[in-house]
Amino acid sequence: MKNWLIILITLAVLILGNWVAAAILQMAFLDIAIPFAGLALVLIYFFKSKGGMASRQLDMSIQGQTGIRMEREAHSAGRSYIFIGSVLYLLIVIGLTFYIYREYFLT
């Protein structure tokens, strides 16, 4: 139950963020939805993975400041429900966009 709640909160935050970005850029919600969802997906993957580029950069920064060598973590993306929610949002947005603009794509 907790996992579904995390996914629903992720979807709500992404919808709200997409709506705010569309309002600021004065664009339609669906016109900016796919790039926003893709950017959110990349950012969530970048910050939620363990042992990835962000972790290595932080380890190198700490090592440079303190002189203490940090042990490397094996890269693992894991099963983050926030990441699953963002993938679900991207798929929903792509499906909704193709459904709304189906006449444009089919003609």
Protein backbone atom coordinates (compact mmCIF):
# COMPACT_ATOMS: atom_id res chain seq x y z
CA MET A 1 0.00 0.00 0.00
CA LYS A 2 2.84 2.34 0.88
CA ASN A 3 4.47 1.71 -2.50
CA TRP A 4 1.32 2.70 -4.41
CA LEU A 5 1.07 5.83 -2.30
CA ILE A 6 4.64 6.77 -3.25
CA ILE A 7 3.84 6.23 -6.94
CA LEU A 8 0.65 8.32 -6.70
CA ILE A 9 2.47 11.14 -4.90
CA THR A 10 5.17 11.04 -7.58
CA LEU A 11 2.52 11.29 -10.30
CA ALA A 12 0.85 14.20 -8.50
CA VAL A 13 4.14 16.07 -8.10
CA LEU A 14 5.02 15.54 -11.77
CA ILE A 15 1.58 16.70 -12.92
CA LEU A 16 1.83 19.78 -10.72
CA GLY A 17 5.36 20.51 -11.93
CA ASN A 18 4.30 20.07 -15.54
CA TRP A 19 1.34 22.41 -15.03
CA VAL A 20 3.57 25.07 -13.39
CA ALA A 21 6.17 24.78 -16.18
CA ALA A 22 3.44 25.09 -18.82
CA ALA A 23 2.02 28.17 -17.09
CA ILE A 24 5.43 29.84 -16.76
CA LEU A 25 6.40 29.12 -20.37
CA GLN A 26 2.86 29.96 -21.59
CA MET A 27 2.51 26.69 -23.45
CA ALA A 28 -0.15 24.01 -23.51
CA PHE A 29 0.11 21.27 -20.89
CA LEU A 30 0.54 18.48 -23.45
CA ASP A 31 3.00 20.44 -25.58
CA ILE A 32 5.53 20.46 -22.78
CA ALA A 33 4.52 17.18 -21.11
CA ILE A 34 6.82 14.74 -22.94
CA PRO A 35 10.02 16.82 -22.58
CA PHE A 36 9.14 17.54 -18.93
CA ALA A 37 8.51 13.85 -18.21
CA GLY A 38 11.73 12.84 -19.96
CA LEU A 39 13.77 15.40 -18.03
CA ALA A 40 12.16 14.33 -14.75
CA LEU A 41 12.93 10.69 -15.54
CA VAL A 42 16.59 11.44 -16.25
CA LEU A 43 16.96 13.55 -13.11
CA ILE A 44 15.28 10.95 -10.91
CA TYR A 45 17.47 8.18 -12.34
CA PHE A 46 20.57 10.32 -11.87
CA PHE A 47 19.88 11.12 -8.23
CA LYS A 48 18.20 7.89 -7.08
CA SER A 49 20.81 5.42 -8.34
CA LYS A 50 23.57 4.19 -6.03
CA GLY A 51 27.16 4.23 -7.20
CA GLY A 52 26.38 6.26 -10.30
CA MET A 53 27.95 9.44 -11.60
CA ALA A 54 26.62 11.67 -8.81
CA SER A 55 27.93 9.32 -6.12
CA ARG A 56 31.36 9.07 -7.76
CA GLN A 57 31.57 12.86 -8.10
CA LEU A 58 30.73 13.30 -4.43
CA ASP A 59 33.27 10.63 -3.44
CA MET A 60 36.00 12.34 -5.49
CA SER A 61 35.14 15.71 -3.96
CA ILE A 62 35.36 14.30 -0.42
CA GLN A 63 38.61 12.53 -1.24
CA GLY A 64 40.10 15.74 -2.65
CA GLN A 65 39.15 17.76 0.44
CA THR A 66 40.04 15.24 3.14
CA GLY A 67 42.64 13.01 1.52
CA ILE A 68 40.67 9.96 2.66
CA ARG A 69 39.96 7.49 -0.12
CA MET A 70 36.29 6.48 -0.36
CA GLU A 71 35.40 2.92 -1.32
CA ARG A 72 33.55 2.63 -4.62
CA GLU A 73 30.01 1.36 -4.59
CA ALA A 74 28.80 -0.94 -7.31
CA HIS A 75 26.36 0.84 -9.60
CA SER A 76 22.80 -0.30 -8.93
CA ALA A 77 19.67 1.51 -10.00
CA GLY A 78 17.50 -0.54 -7.68
CA ARG A 79 13.73 -0.53 -7.70
CA SER A 80 12.82 2.97 -6.69
CA TYR A 81 9.08 3.55 -6.63
CA ILE A 82 9.69 7.20 -7.46
CA PHE A 83 11.48 6.07 -10.63
CA ILE A 84 8.65 3.65 -11.43
CA GLY A 85 6.15 6.50 -10.97
CA SER A 86 8.12 8.75 -13.33
CA VAL A 87 8.28 6.01 -15.98
CA LEU A 88 4.54 5.50 -15.59
CA TYR A 89 3.98 9.26 -15.97
CA LEU A 90 6.06 9.30 -19.16
CA LEU A 91 4.08 6.40 -20.63
CA ILE A 92 0.75 8.00 -19.69
CA VAL A 93 1.79 11.33 -21.20
CA ILE A 94 2.98 9.70 -24.43
CA GLY A 95 -0.27 7.74 -24.72
CA LEU A 96 -2.41 10.79 -23.94
CA THR A 97 -0.48 12.95 -26.41
CA PHE A 98 -0.88 10.41 -29.22
CA TYR A 99 -4.58 10.03 -28.38
CA ILE A 100 -5.28 13.79 -28.36
CA TYR A 101 -3.24 14.46 -31.52
CA ARG A 102 -4.20 11.23 -33.31
CA GLU A 103 -5.61 13.07 -36.33
CA TYR A 104 -2.32 14.91 -36.77
CA PHE A 105 -0.29 11.69 -36.60
CA LEU A 106 -2.60 9.68 -38.83
CA THR A 107 -2.97 12.18 -41.67
